[in-house]
Amino acid sequence: MFNQYSIEKKELIVSTEIPYFCEKFFYDENKKCKKYYEEISKDEYIDGLYQCPYGFSCYKSNGKIYSCLIVGGHSDLSKVNIHLKTYKQSLKDFTNYTISQLRMIIGYNESLEHKQKILRLTIHDLKNATKHFMDLAESVKQSTDLSKKIEEDEELFSAIEGYSLIQYRLDYHDQLLNNGVVYGNEKRNINFHKMIMKLCKLMQYRGKKKDVSIEFHGYTNNRFLCSRDMYLASFIFIENAIKYAEQFSAIDIDFNDYGHDTTEIKIVNICRNISADEMEKIYNDGFRGGQAQVTSKGSGLGLGLAKKICDRSGVQLKTTFQEIDSDVGKFAVELIIQRDIVEMI
């Protein structure tokens, strides 16, 4: 059916079947055949289908060249030429397809770069708008009467003070967009009890809307030189606790000091049951559990962002869920702040 030429041994193994065209010309020292075999034996000739000087097909594969192939039941010149043309056309089509795909990928990347520029400009403008509003709010606070009215009106107080949280979010996302990393680890002396009390005051009106109260237990005197991003992370934990809490329930926030160097904070709320599979994915960006999709709006980015902040800040974060009955259970966020870790980062 075919003759086989060994590239390594430089010899032809002749088939007993016809045609023996290659056998005759090879052993007659035909220069054209010798030169051809030597040429396509070179590394620059990749494995594939070729055509010999006499018009027959040859196939190179794994160190051997198979000659006088019977293609489609025929071994004459016309049939070989037809199939060789098809083979070459297939290579051309594949190359064109690859080039087309590369062009599409390049175009997609250019589109992403353009969108990133728009996002950067949008965040920049939003930050400026927020700053102007904060300046206005500070001016309003200079008036004793207006300042007192703002503090008495929980919703108005939350709306005005909440702009500082928006500023933190915009700064954070701006850095992620521009550098692919979380923003500079700017540190502040933080008393977590005071910080969380302030955040709860900002958001307590949201809890009252759904008859959810916030109850505090314990106190902490400890202050830590810690990343200011923990302000945003704590906001996310409290916001989520209110958002997913069952109506008429209470959110418990416990503070415990273990000496001067360690503080533990636990935020617990009653919510709809969360499966073990959902708990494993709870920090995944964009993930929202089944009950979360039904009961509230959101992007699924909150806990993922808070986890990144805690990891970067050296704060230990643990989340657990304990089922109470077939419908609801306790979701707990536990934070452990250790001085020798957070202040060394």
C-alpha atoms as a PDB file:
ATOM      1  CA  MET A   1       0.000   0.000   0.000  1.00  0.00           C
ATOM      2  CA  PHE A   2       2.908   2.346   0.676  1.00  0.00           C
ATOM      3  CA  ASN A   3       6.664   2.540   0.917  1.00  0.00           C
ATOM      4  CA  GLN A   4       8.255   3.811   4.109  1.00  0.00           C
ATOM      5  CA  TYR A   5      11.409   5.932   4.229  1.00  0.00           C
ATOM      6  CA  SER A   6      13.228   6.126   7.577  1.00  0.00           C
ATOM      7  CA  ILE A   7      14.675   9.593   8.168  1.00  0.00           C
ATOM      8  CA  GLU A   8      17.054   8.313  10.847  1.00  0.00           C
ATOM      9  CA  LYS A   9      18.365   5.296   8.884  1.00  0.00           C
ATOM     10  CA  LYS A  10      18.054   7.004   5.480  1.00  0.00           C
ATOM     11  CA  GLU A  11      16.682   3.852   3.896  1.00  0.00           C
ATOM     12  CA  LEU A  12      13.499   2.827   2.149  1.00  0.00           C
ATOM     13  CA  ILE A  13      11.348  -0.048   3.403  1.00  0.00           C
ATOM     14  CA  VAL A  14       9.480  -1.326   0.358  1.00  0.00           C
ATOM     15  CA  SER A  15       5.916  -2.597   0.496  1.00  0.00           C
ATOM     16  CA  THR A  16       5.094  -5.795  -1.367  1.00  0.00           C
ATOM     17  CA  GLU A  17       2.055  -4.122  -2.834  1.00  0.00           C
ATOM     18  CA  ILE A  18       2.014  -2.062  -5.991  1.00  0.00           C
ATOM     19  CA  PRO A  19       2.937   0.525  -7.028  1.00  0.00           C
ATOM     20  CA  TYR A  20       6.678  -0.006  -6.516  1.00  0.00           C
ATOM     21  CA  PHE A  21       7.414   3.249  -8.327  1.00  0.00           C
ATOM     22  CA  CYS A  22       9.481   4.630  -5.448  1.00  0.00           C
ATOM     23  CA  GLU A  23      11.424   1.387  -5.011  1.00  0.00           C
ATOM     24  CA  LYS A  24      12.640   1.385  -8.629  1.00  0.00           C
ATOM     25  CA  PHE A  25      13.675   5.027  -8.736  1.00  0.00           C
ATOM     26  CA  PHE A  26      15.217   5.075  -5.255  1.00  0.00           C
ATOM     27  CA  TYR A  27      17.500   2.084  -5.769  1.00  0.00           C
ATOM     28  CA  ASP A  28      18.436   3.244  -9.253  1.00  0.00           C
ATOM     29  CA  GLU A  29      20.169   6.135  -7.453  1.00  0.00           C
ATOM     30  CA  ASN A  30      17.772   8.638  -8.973  1.00  0.00           C
ATOM     31  CA  LYS A  31      19.078  11.992  -7.798  1.00  0.00           C
ATOM     32  CA  LYS A  32      15.669  13.604  -7.883  1.00  0.00           C
ATOM     33  CA  CYS A  33      14.241  11.103  -5.375  1.00  0.00           C
ATOM     34  CA  LYS A  34      17.322  11.141  -3.115  1.00  0.00           C
ATOM     35  CA  LYS A  35      17.380  14.918  -3.003  1.00  0.00           C
ATOM     36  CA  TYR A  36      13.643  15.073  -2.299  1.00  0.00           C
ATOM     37  CA  TYR A  37      13.774  12.664   0.656  1.00  0.00           C
ATOM     38  CA  GLU A  38      16.795  14.422   2.118  1.00  0.00           C
ATOM     39  CA  GLU A  39      15.095  17.799   1.745  1.00  0.00           C
ATOM     40  CA  ILE A  40      11.815  16.985   3.475  1.00  0.00           C
ATOM     41  CA  SER A  41      13.710  15.111   6.204  1.00  0.00           C
ATOM     42  CA  LYS A  42      14.871  18.490   7.491  1.00  0.00           C
ATOM     43  CA  ASP A  43      13.310  19.873  10.686  1.00  0.00           C
ATOM     44  CA  GLU A  44      11.825  22.905   8.960  1.00  0.00           C
ATOM     45  CA  TYR A  45       9.421  20.546   7.162  1.00  0.00           C
ATOM     46  CA  ILE A  46       6.718  19.857   9.719  1.00  0.00           C
ATOM     47  CA  ASP A  47       4.721  16.633   9.835  1.00  0.00           C
ATOM     48  CA  GLY A  48       2.088  16.629   7.121  1.00  0.00           C
ATOM     49  CA  LEU A  49       1.197  15.841   3.513  1.00  0.00           C
ATOM     50  CA  TYR A  50       3.625  16.626   0.670  1.00  0.00           C
ATOM     51  CA  GLN A  51       3.972  15.842  -3.047  1.00  0.00           C
ATOM     52  CA  CYS A  52       7.016  14.090  -4.513  1.00  0.00           C
ATOM     53  CA  PRO A  53       8.712  15.184  -7.794  1.00  0.00           C
ATOM     54  CA  TYR A  54       6.769  12.527  -9.683  1.00  0.00           C
ATOM     55  CA  GLY A  55       3.398  13.726  -8.415  1.00  0.00           C
ATOM     56  CA  PHE A  56       2.695  11.103  -5.763  1.00  0.00           C
ATOM     57  CA  SER A  57       1.606  11.975  -2.246  1.00  0.00           C
ATOM     58  CA  CYS A  58       3.948  11.616   0.714  1.00  0.00           C
ATOM     59  CA  TYR A  59       3.098  11.907   4.383  1.00  0.00           C
ATOM     60  CA  LYS A  60       5.718  12.847   6.989  1.00  0.00           C
ATOM     61  CA  SER A  61       5.052  11.732  10.567  1.00  0.00           C
ATOM     62  CA  ASN A  62       7.202  10.973  13.626  1.00  0.00           C
ATOM     63  CA  GLY A  63      10.536  10.505  11.860  1.00  0.00           C
ATOM     64  CA  LYS A  64       9.202   8.562   8.871  1.00  0.00           C
ATOM     65  CA  ILE A  65       7.991   9.459   5.377  1.00  0.00           C
ATOM     66  CA  TYR A  66       5.284   7.341   3.814  1.00  0.00           C
ATOM     67  CA  SER A  67       5.325   7.511   0.018  1.00  0.00           C
ATOM     68  CA  CYS A  68       3.027   6.380  -2.802  1.00  0.00           C
ATOM     69  CA  LEU A  69      -0.031   6.638  -0.603  1.00  0.00           C
ATOM     70  CA  ILE A  70      -3.267   5.452  -2.101  1.00  0.00           C
ATOM     71  CA  VAL A  71      -5.619   8.393  -1.607  1.00  0.00           C
ATOM     72  CA  GLY A  72      -9.330   7.653  -1.849  1.00  0.00           C
ATOM     73  CA  GLY A  73      -8.639   4.323  -3.557  1.00  0.00           C
ATOM     74  CA  HIS A  74      -6.435   5.900  -6.252  1.00  0.00           C
ATOM     75  CA  SER A  75      -2.732   6.518  -6.554  1.00  0.00           C
ATOM     76  CA  ASP A  76      -2.647   8.432  -9.813  1.00  0.00           C
ATOM     77  CA  LEU A  77      -1.325  11.965 -10.134  1.00  0.00           C
ATOM     78  CA  SER A  78      -4.691  13.723 -10.554  1.00  0.00           C
ATOM     79  CA  LYS A  79      -6.154  12.308  -7.346  1.00  0.00           C
ATOM     80  CA  VAL A  80      -3.048  13.154  -5.355  1.00  0.00           C
ATOM     81  CA  ASN A  81      -3.106  16.734  -6.589  1.00  0.00           C
ATOM     82  CA  ILE A  82      -6.773  17.124  -5.620  1.00  0.00           C
ATOM     83  CA  HIS A  83      -6.254  15.881  -2.075  1.00  0.00           C
ATOM     84  CA  LEU A  84      -3.040  17.838  -1.642  1.00  0.00           C
ATOM     85  CA  LYS A  85      -4.877  20.992  -2.692  1.00  0.00           C
ATOM     86  CA  THR A  86      -7.605  20.246  -0.126  1.00  0.00           C
ATOM     87  CA  TYR A  87      -4.974  19.700   2.572  1.00  0.00           C
ATOM     88  CA  LYS A  88      -3.255  22.993   1.783  1.00  0.00           C
ATOM     89  CA  GLN A  89      -6.613  24.787   1.682  1.00  0.00           C
ATOM     90  CA  SER A  90      -7.460  23.415   5.137  1.00  0.00           C
ATOM     91  CA  LEU A  91      -4.198  24.816   6.479  1.00  0.00           C
ATOM     92  CA  LYS A  92      -4.988  28.165   4.893  1.00  0.00           C
ATOM     93  CA  ASP A  93      -8.508  28.180   6.355  1.00  0.00           C
ATOM     94  CA  PHE A  94      -7.144  27.326   9.807  1.00  0.00           C
ATOM     95  CA  THR A  95      -4.563  30.115   9.565  1.00  0.00           C
ATOM     96  CA  ASN A  96      -7.219  32.621   8.482  1.00  0.00           C
ATOM     97  CA  TYR A  97      -9.470  31.507  11.350  1.00  0.00           C
ATOM     98  CA  THR A  98      -6.612  31.920  13.857  1.00  0.00           C
ATOM     99  CA  ILE A  99      -5.821  35.400  12.552  1.00  0.00           C
ATOM    100  CA  SER A 100      -9.521  36.296  12.748  1.00  0.00           C
ATOM    101  CA  GLN A 101      -9.678  35.129  16.378  1.00  0.00           C
ATOM    102  CA  LEU A 102      -6.558  37.115  17.268  1.00  0.00           C
ATOM    103  CA  ARG A 103      -8.033  40.243  15.703  1.00  0.00           C
ATOM    104  CA  MET A 104     -11.224  39.719  17.705  1.00  0.00           C
ATOM    105  CA  ILE A 105      -9.230  39.332  20.959  1.00  0.00           C
ATOM    106  CA  ILE A 106      -7.195  42.467  20.205  1.00  0.00           C
ATOM    107  CA  GLY A 107     -10.409  44.383  19.492  1.00  0.00           C
ATOM    108  CA  TYR A 108     -11.953  43.121  22.733  1.00  0.00           C
ATOM    109  CA  ASN A 109      -8.892  44.233  24.737  1.00  0.00           C
ATOM    110  CA  GLU A 110      -8.996  47.672  23.121  1.00  0.00           C
ATOM    111  CA  SER A 111     -12.685  47.918  24.043  1.00  0.00           C
ATOM    112  CA  LEU A 112     -11.882  47.001  27.670  1.00  0.00           C
ATOM    113  CA  GLU A 113      -9.146  49.632  27.832  1.00  0.00           C
ATOM    114  CA  HIS A 114     -11.601  52.230  26.540  1.00  0.00           C
ATOM    115  CA  LYS A 115     -14.184  51.225  29.154  1.00  0.00           C
ATOM    116  CA  GLN A 116     -11.549  51.411  31.897  1.00  0.00           C
ATOM    117  CA  LYS A 117     -10.740  54.979  30.882  1.00  0.00           C
ATOM    118  CA  ILE A 118     -14.438  55.873  31.123  1.00  0.00           C
ATOM    119  CA  LEU A 119     -14.661  54.191  34.552  1.00  0.00           C
ATOM    120  CA  ARG A 120     -11.632  56.124  35.804  1.00  0.00           C
ATOM    121  CA  LEU A 121     -13.158  59.413  34.657  1.00  0.00           C
ATOM    122  CA  THR A 122     -16.530  58.488  36.189  1.00  0.00           C
ATOM    123  CA  ILE A 123     -14.987  57.630  39.557  1.00  0.00           C
ATOM    124  CA  HIS A 124     -12.912  60.816  39.452  1.00  0.00           C
ATOM    125  CA  ASP A 125     -16.044  62.935  38.858  1.00  0.00           C
ATOM    126  CA  LEU A 126     -18.016  61.090  41.550  1.00  0.00           C
ATOM    127  CA  LYS A 127     -15.213  61.672  44.052  1.00  0.00           C
ATOM    128  CA  ASN A 128     -15.222  65.376  43.249  1.00  0.00           C
ATOM    129  CA  ALA A 129     -19.022  65.547  43.593  1.00  0.00           C
ATOM    130  CA  THR A 130     -18.860  63.756  46.947  1.00  0.00           C
ATOM    131  CA  LYS A 131     -16.106  66.065  48.180  1.00  0.00           C
ATOM    132  CA  HIS A 132     -18.161  69.152  47.279  1.00  0.00           C
ATOM    133  CA  PHE A 133     -21.156  67.725  49.153  1.00  0.00           C
ATOM    134  CA  MET A 134     -18.997  66.965  52.185  1.00  0.00           C
ATOM    135  CA  ASP A 135     -17.664  70.532  52.146  1.00  0.00           C
ATOM    136  CA  LEU A 136     -21.263  71.766  52.052  1.00  0.00           C
ATOM    137  CA  ALA A 137     -22.227  69.456  54.923  1.00  0.00           C
ATOM    138  CA  GLU A 138     -19.313  70.719  57.021  1.00  0.00           C
ATOM    139  CA  SER A 139     -20.412  74.303  56.382  1.00  0.00           C
ATOM    140  CA  VAL A 140     -23.962  73.458  57.470  1.00  0.00           C
ATOM    141  CA  LYS A 141     -22.631  71.884  60.671  1.00  0.00           C
ATOM    142  CA  GLN A 142     -21.054  75.193  61.642  1.00  0.00           C
ATOM    143  CA  SER A 143     -24.566  76.394  62.425  1.00  0.00           C
ATOM    144  CA  THR A 144     -25.462  75.151  65.906  1.00  0.00           C
ATOM    145  CA  ASP A 145     -29.195  75.056  65.187  1.00  0.00           C
ATOM    146  CA  LEU A 146     -28.812  73.186  61.892  1.00  0.00           C
ATOM    147  CA  SER A 147     -26.267  70.788  63.369  1.00  0.00           C
ATOM    148  CA  LYS A 148     -28.656  69.934  66.213  1.00  0.00           C
ATOM    149  CA  LYS A 149     -31.510  69.396  63.760  1.00  0.00           C
ATOM    150  CA  ILE A 150     -29.356  67.060  61.643  1.00  0.00           C
ATOM    151  CA  GLU A 151     -28.396  64.933  64.655  1.00  0.00           C
ATOM    152  CA  GLU A 152     -32.031  64.683  65.751  1.00  0.00           C
ATOM    153  CA  ASP A 153     -33.154  63.572  62.290  1.00  0.00           C
ATOM    154  CA  GLU A 154     -31.710  60.049  61.976  1.00  0.00           C
ATOM    155  CA  GLU A 155     -32.347  59.699  58.244  1.00  0.00           C
ATOM    156  CA  LEU A 156     -30.877  63.117  57.440  1.00  0.00           C
ATOM    157  CA  PHE A 157     -27.900  62.440  59.718  1.00  0.00           C
ATOM    158  CA  SER A 158     -27.273  59.098  58.024  1.00  0.00           C
ATOM    159  CA  ALA A 159     -27.562  60.616  54.548  1.00  0.00           C
ATOM    160  CA  ILE A 160     -25.016  63.355  55.287  1.00  0.00           C
ATOM    161  CA  GLU A 161     -22.513  61.285  57.276  1.00  0.00           C
ATOM    162  CA  GLY A 162     -22.872  58.386  54.837  1.00  0.00           C
ATOM    163  CA  TYR A 163     -21.127  60.376  52.128  1.00  0.00           C
ATOM    164  CA  SER A 164     -17.801  59.760  53.870  1.00  0.00           C
ATOM    165  CA  LEU A 165     -18.397  56.025  53.385  1.00  0.00           C
ATOM    166  CA  ILE A 166     -19.105  56.567  49.698  1.00  0.00           C
ATOM    167  CA  GLN A 167     -15.815  58.454  49.483  1.00  0.00           C
ATOM    168  CA  TYR A 168     -13.997  55.451  50.985  1.00  0.00           C
ATOM    169  CA  ARG A 169     -15.630  53.104  48.477  1.00  0.00           C
ATOM    170  CA  LEU A 170     -14.744  55.326  45.526  1.00  0.00           C
ATOM    171  CA  ASP A 171     -11.130  55.681  46.681  1.00  0.00           C
ATOM    172  CA  TYR A 172     -10.858  51.931  47.116  1.00  0.00           C
ATOM    173  CA  HIS A 173     -12.321  51.028  43.720  1.00  0.00           C
ATOM    174  CA  ASP A 174     -10.314  53.754  42.025  1.00  0.00           C
ATOM    175  CA  GLN A 175      -7.117  52.117  43.243  1.00  0.00           C
ATOM    176  CA  LEU A 176      -8.276  48.648  42.191  1.00  0.00           C
ATOM    177  CA  LEU A 177      -9.112  49.930  38.719  1.00  0.00           C
ATOM    178  CA  ASN A 178      -5.847  51.797  38.229  1.00  0.00           C
ATOM    179  CA  ASN A 179      -3.342  49.518  39.903  1.00  0.00           C
ATOM    180  CA  GLY A 180      -5.035  46.165  40.346  1.00  0.00           C
ATOM    181  CA  VAL A 181      -4.232  46.307  44.070  1.00  0.00           C
ATOM    182  CA  VAL A 182      -5.988  47.612  47.146  1.00  0.00           C
ATOM    183  CA  TYR A 183      -5.110  51.145  48.073  1.00  0.00           C
ATOM    184  CA  GLY A 184      -2.292  52.357  50.294  1.00  0.00           C
ATOM    185  CA  ASN A 185      -2.407  50.983  53.801  1.00  0.00           C
ATOM    186  CA  GLU A 186      -3.066  54.326  55.513  1.00  0.00           C
ATOM    187  CA  LYS A 187      -3.259  53.770  59.266  1.00  0.00           C
ATOM    188  CA  ARG A 188      -5.210  55.406  62.070  1.00  0.00           C
ATOM    189  CA  ASN A 189      -5.568  54.845  65.797  1.00  0.00           C
ATOM    190  CA  ILE A 190      -8.892  53.029  65.964  1.00  0.00           C
ATOM    191  CA  ASN A 191     -11.089  52.207  68.927  1.00  0.00           C
ATOM    192  CA  PHE A 192     -13.366  49.606  67.350  1.00  0.00           C
ATOM    193  CA  HIS A 193     -16.145  50.165  69.891  1.00  0.00           C
ATOM    194  CA  LYS A 194     -16.444  53.870  69.077  1.00  0.00           C
ATOM    195  CA  MET A 195     -16.127  53.225  65.360  1.00  0.00           C
ATOM    196  CA  ILE A 196     -18.864  50.587  65.274  1.00  0.00           C
ATOM    197  CA  MET A 197     -21.144  52.659  67.538  1.00  0.00           C
ATOM    198  CA  LYS A 198     -20.828  55.553  65.086  1.00  0.00           C
ATOM    199  CA  LEU A 199     -21.549  53.301  62.105  1.00  0.00           C
ATOM    200  CA  CYS A 200     -24.610  51.852  63.817  1.00  0.00           C
ATOM    201  CA  LYS A 201     -25.888  55.364  64.497  1.00  0.00           C
ATOM    202  CA  LEU A 202     -25.469  56.112  60.778  1.00  0.00           C
ATOM    203  CA  MET A 203     -27.568  53.102  59.839  1.00  0.00           C
ATOM    204  CA  GLN A 204     -29.997  52.627  62.701  1.00  0.00           C
ATOM    205  CA  TYR A 205     -32.844  54.262  60.771  1.00  0.00           C
ATOM    206  CA  ARG A 206     -32.551  51.442  58.199  1.00  0.00           C
ATOM    207  CA  GLY A 207     -33.063  48.917  60.969  1.00  0.00           C
ATOM    208  CA  LYS A 208     -36.080  50.782  62.312  1.00  0.00           C
ATOM    209  CA  LYS A 209     -37.715  50.592  58.894  1.00  0.00           C
ATOM    210  CA  LYS A 210     -37.907  46.804  59.241  1.00  0.00           C
ATOM    211  CA  ASP A 211     -38.220  46.755  63.063  1.00  0.00           C
ATOM    212  CA  VAL A 212     -34.680  45.474  63.576  1.00  0.00           C
ATOM    213  CA  SER A 213     -32.842  46.708  66.669  1.00  0.00           C
ATOM    214  CA  ILE A 214     -29.111  46.771  67.410  1.00  0.00           C
ATOM    215  CA  GLU A 215     -28.000  45.710  70.877  1.00  0.00           C
ATOM    216  CA  PHE A 216     -24.479  46.202  72.248  1.00  0.00           C
ATOM    217  CA  HIS A 217     -22.749  43.992  74.797  1.00  0.00           C
ATOM    218  CA  GLY A 218     -19.417  44.700  76.452  1.00  0.00           C
ATOM    219  CA  TYR A 219     -16.896  47.411  75.732  1.00  0.00           C
ATOM    220  CA  THR A 220     -13.322  47.814  74.531  1.00  0.00           C
ATOM    221  CA  ASN A 221     -10.752  50.349  75.708  1.00  0.00           C
ATOM    222  CA  ASN A 222      -8.105  49.110  73.308  1.00  0.00           C
ATOM    223  CA  ARG A 223      -6.909  51.297  70.460  1.00  0.00           C
ATOM    224  CA  PHE A 224      -4.994  49.871  67.512  1.00  0.00           C
ATOM    225  CA  LEU A 225      -2.863  51.555  64.855  1.00  0.00           C
ATOM    226  CA  CYS A 226      -4.799  49.879  62.088  1.00  0.00           C
ATOM    227  CA  SER A 227      -5.673  50.366  58.418  1.00  0.00           C
ATOM    228  CA  ARG A 228      -8.407  52.986  57.975  1.00  0.00           C
ATOM    229  CA  ASP A 229     -10.006  50.574  55.484  1.00  0.00           C
ATOM    230  CA  MET A 230     -11.440  48.707  58.489  1.00  0.00           C
ATOM    231  CA  TYR A 231     -13.971  51.533  58.718  1.00  0.00           C
ATOM    232  CA  LEU A 232     -15.351  50.454  55.339  1.00  0.00           C
ATOM    233  CA  ALA A 233     -15.151  46.735  56.187  1.00  0.00           C
ATOM    234  CA  SER A 234     -17.062  47.278  59.457  1.00  0.00           C
ATOM    235  CA  PHE A 235     -19.680  49.294  57.586  1.00  0.00           C
ATOM    236  CA  ILE A 236     -20.187  46.360  55.187  1.00  0.00           C
ATOM    237  CA  PHE A 237     -20.610  43.874  58.063  1.00  0.00           C
ATOM    238  CA  ILE A 238     -23.222  46.040  59.825  1.00  0.00           C
ATOM    239  CA  GLU A 239     -25.010  46.941  56.594  1.00  0.00           C
ATOM    240  CA  ASN A 240     -25.290  43.244  55.680  1.00  0.00           C
ATOM    241  CA  ALA A 241     -26.496  42.344  59.176  1.00  0.00           C
ATOM    242  CA  ILE A 242     -29.350  44.864  58.868  1.00  0.00           C
ATOM    243  CA  LYS A 243     -30.111  44.013  55.248  1.00  0.00           C
ATOM    244  CA  TYR A 244     -30.512  40.261  55.813  1.00  0.00           C
ATOM    245  CA  ALA A 245     -31.919  40.319  59.372  1.00  0.00           C
ATOM    246  CA  GLU A 246     -35.393  38.902  59.878  1.00  0.00           C
ATOM    247  CA  GLN A 247     -38.102  41.455  60.668  1.00  0.00           C
ATOM    248  CA  PHE A 248     -38.669  42.120  64.412  1.00  0.00           C
ATOM    249  CA  SER A 249     -35.289  40.577  65.272  1.00  0.00           C
ATOM    250  CA  ALA A 250     -32.232  41.998  67.065  1.00  0.00           C
ATOM    251  CA  ILE A 251     -28.625  42.279  65.939  1.00  0.00           C
ATOM    252  CA  ASP A 252     -26.208  41.509  68.779  1.00  0.00           C
ATOM    253  CA  ILE A 253     -22.765  43.113  68.760  1.00  0.00           C
ATOM    254  CA  ASP A 254     -20.335  41.826  71.405  1.00  0.00           C
ATOM    255  CA  PHE A 255     -16.999  43.414  72.380  1.00  0.00           C
ATOM    256  CA  ASN A 256     -14.357  41.592  74.417  1.00  0.00           C
ATOM    257  CA  ASP A 257     -10.829  42.639  75.347  1.00  0.00           C
ATOM    258  CA  TYR A 258      -8.193  40.019  76.142  1.00  0.00           C
ATOM    259  CA  GLY A 259      -5.616  42.213  77.815  1.00  0.00           C
ATOM    260  CA  HIS A 260      -4.285  45.309  76.071  1.00  0.00           C
ATOM    261  CA  ASP A 261      -3.255  43.595  72.852  1.00  0.00           C
ATOM    262  CA  THR A 262      -6.268  41.593  71.638  1.00  0.00           C
ATOM    263  CA  THR A 263      -9.888  42.540  70.973  1.00  0.00           C
ATOM    264  CA  GLU A 264     -12.664  40.283  69.730  1.00  0.00           C
ATOM    265  CA  ILE A 265     -15.847  41.581  68.082  1.00  0.00           C
ATOM    266  CA  LYS A 266     -18.814  39.441  67.123  1.00  0.00           C
ATOM    267  CA  ILE A 267     -21.796  40.630  65.037  1.00  0.00           C
ATOM    268  CA  VAL A 268     -24.735  38.200  65.048  1.00  0.00           C
ATOM    269  CA  ASN A 269     -28.056  38.486  63.208  1.00  0.00           C
ATOM    270  CA  ILE A 270     -31.052  36.211  62.664  1.00  0.00           C
ATOM    271  CA  CYS A 271     -31.563  35.473  58.969  1.00  0.00           C
ATOM    272  CA  ARG A 272     -32.981  32.906  56.560  1.00  0.00           C
ATOM    273  CA  ASN A 273     -31.119  29.596  56.463  1.00  0.00           C
ATOM    274  CA  ILE A 274     -27.845  29.461  54.522  1.00  0.00           C
ATOM    275  CA  SER A 275     -26.637  26.148  53.081  1.00  0.00           C
ATOM    276  CA  ALA A 276     -23.123  24.793  53.659  1.00  0.00           C
ATOM    277  CA  ASP A 277     -22.403  25.175  49.938  1.00  0.00           C
ATOM    278  CA  GLU A 278     -23.401  28.853  50.064  1.00  0.00           C
ATOM    279  CA  MET A 279     -21.209  29.441  53.118  1.00  0.00           C
ATOM    280  CA  GLU A 280     -18.188  28.140  51.191  1.00  0.00           C
ATOM    281  CA  LYS A 281     -18.826  30.693  48.417  1.00  0.00           C
ATOM    282  CA  ILE A 282     -19.772  33.611  50.644  1.00  0.00           C
ATOM    283  CA  TYR A 283     -16.592  35.610  49.907  1.00  0.00           C
ATOM    284  CA  ASN A 284     -16.678  34.996  46.149  1.00  0.00           C
ATOM    285  CA  ASP A 285     -17.078  38.210  44.167  1.00  0.00           C
ATOM    286  CA  GLY A 286     -20.523  38.390  42.591  1.00  0.00           C
ATOM    287  CA  PHE A 287     -21.964  35.461  44.583  1.00  0.00           C
ATOM    288  CA  ARG A 288     -25.365  35.896  46.206  1.00  0.00           C
ATOM    289  CA  GLY A 289     -27.137  33.098  48.052  1.00  0.00           C
ATOM    290  CA  GLY A 290     -30.636  31.934  47.216  1.00  0.00           C
ATOM    291  CA  GLN A 291     -32.337  33.832  50.050  1.00  0.00           C
ATOM    292  CA  ALA A 292     -30.282  36.959  49.348  1.00  0.00           C
ATOM    293  CA  GLN A 293     -31.533  37.027  45.768  1.00  0.00           C
ATOM    294  CA  VAL A 294     -35.131  36.783  46.970  1.00  0.00           C
ATOM    295  CA  THR A 295     -35.058  39.176  49.928  1.00  0.00           C
ATOM    296  CA  SER A 296     -32.774  42.022  48.843  1.00  0.00           C
ATOM    297  CA  LYS A 297     -30.935  43.751  46.052  1.00  0.00           C
ATOM    298  CA  GLY A 298     -27.158  43.702  45.825  1.00  0.00           C
ATOM    299  CA  SER A 299     -24.062  43.032  43.754  1.00  0.00           C
ATOM    300  CA  GLY A 300     -22.559  40.189  45.785  1.00  0.00           C
ATOM    301  CA  LEU A 301     -19.341  42.197  46.212  1.00  0.00           C
ATOM    302  CA  GLY A 302     -19.720  43.321  49.852  1.00  0.00           C
ATOM    303  CA  LEU A 303     -18.312  40.433  51.880  1.00  0.00           C
ATOM    304  CA  GLY A 304     -15.667  39.730  49.242  1.00  0.00           C
ATOM    305  CA  LEU A 305     -14.438  43.311  49.533  1.00  0.00           C
ATOM    306  CA  ALA A 306     -14.565  43.224  53.352  1.00  0.00           C
ATOM    307  CA  LYS A 307     -12.565  39.961  53.372  1.00  0.00           C
ATOM    308  CA  LYS A 308      -9.847  41.531  51.212  1.00  0.00           C
ATOM    309  CA  ILE A 309      -9.649  44.511  53.570  1.00  0.00           C
ATOM    310  CA  CYS A 310      -9.360  42.273  56.655  1.00  0.00           C
ATOM    311  CA  ASP A 311      -6.662  40.129  55.029  1.00  0.00           C
ATOM    312  CA  ARG A 312      -4.659  43.194  54.032  1.00  0.00           C
ATOM    313  CA  SER A 313      -5.115  44.818  57.444  1.00  0.00           C
ATOM    314  CA  GLY A 314      -4.081  41.738  59.431  1.00  0.00           C
ATOM    315  CA  VAL A 315      -7.519  41.337  61.066  1.00  0.00           C
ATOM    316  CA  GLN A 316      -8.694  37.743  61.477  1.00  0.00           C
ATOM    317  CA  LEU A 317     -12.163  37.208  59.993  1.00  0.00           C
ATOM    318  CA  LYS A 318     -14.421  34.230  60.625  1.00  0.00           C
ATOM    319  CA  THR A 319     -18.032  33.719  59.497  1.00  0.00           C
ATOM    320  CA  THR A 320     -20.315  30.962  60.796  1.00  0.00           C
ATOM    321  CA  PHE A 321     -23.960  29.931  60.503  1.00  0.00           C
ATOM    322  CA  GLN A 322     -25.957  28.019  63.109  1.00  0.00           C
ATOM    323  CA  GLU A 323     -29.414  26.753  62.201  1.00  0.00           C
ATOM    324  CA  ILE A 324     -32.197  27.511  64.702  1.00  0.00           C
ATOM    325  CA  ASP A 325     -35.063  25.763  62.898  1.00  0.00           C
ATOM    326  CA  SER A 326     -36.031  24.799  59.346  1.00  0.00           C
ATOM    327  CA  ASP A 327     -36.422  28.446  58.323  1.00  0.00           C
ATOM    328  CA  VAL A 328     -33.923  30.639  60.158  1.00  0.00           C
ATOM    329  CA  GLY A 329     -30.573  30.610  61.909  1.00  0.00           C
ATOM    330  CA  LYS A 330     -27.803  32.778  63.359  1.00  0.00           C
ATOM    331  CA  PHE A 331     -25.204  34.268  61.031  1.00  0.00           C
ATOM    332  CA  ALA A 332     -22.101  35.470  62.872  1.00  0.00           C
ATOM    333  CA  VAL A 333     -19.156  37.614  61.811  1.00  0.00           C
ATOM    334  CA  GLU A 334     -16.211  37.378  64.183  1.00  0.00           C
ATOM    335  CA  LEU A 335     -13.256  39.788  64.082  1.00  0.00           C
ATOM    336  CA  ILE A 336     -10.060  39.270  66.070  1.00  0.00           C
ATOM    337  CA  ILE A 337      -7.650  42.210  66.235  1.00  0.00           C
ATOM    338  CA  GLN A 338      -4.167  41.449  67.562  1.00  0.00           C
ATOM    339  CA  ARG A 339      -1.757  44.332  68.082  1.00  0.00           C
ATOM    340  CA  ASP A 340       1.405  42.492  67.032  1.00  0.00           C
ATOM    341  CA  ILE A 341      -0.207  41.646  63.673  1.00  0.00           C
ATOM    342  CA  VAL A 342      -2.202  44.739  62.657  1.00  0.00           C
ATOM    343  CA  GLU A 343       0.460  47.235  63.748  1.00  0.00           C
ATOM    344  CA  MET A 344       3.307  45.408  61.994  1.00  0.00           C
ATOM    345  CA  ILE A 345       1.613  45.364  58.567  1.00  0.00           C
END
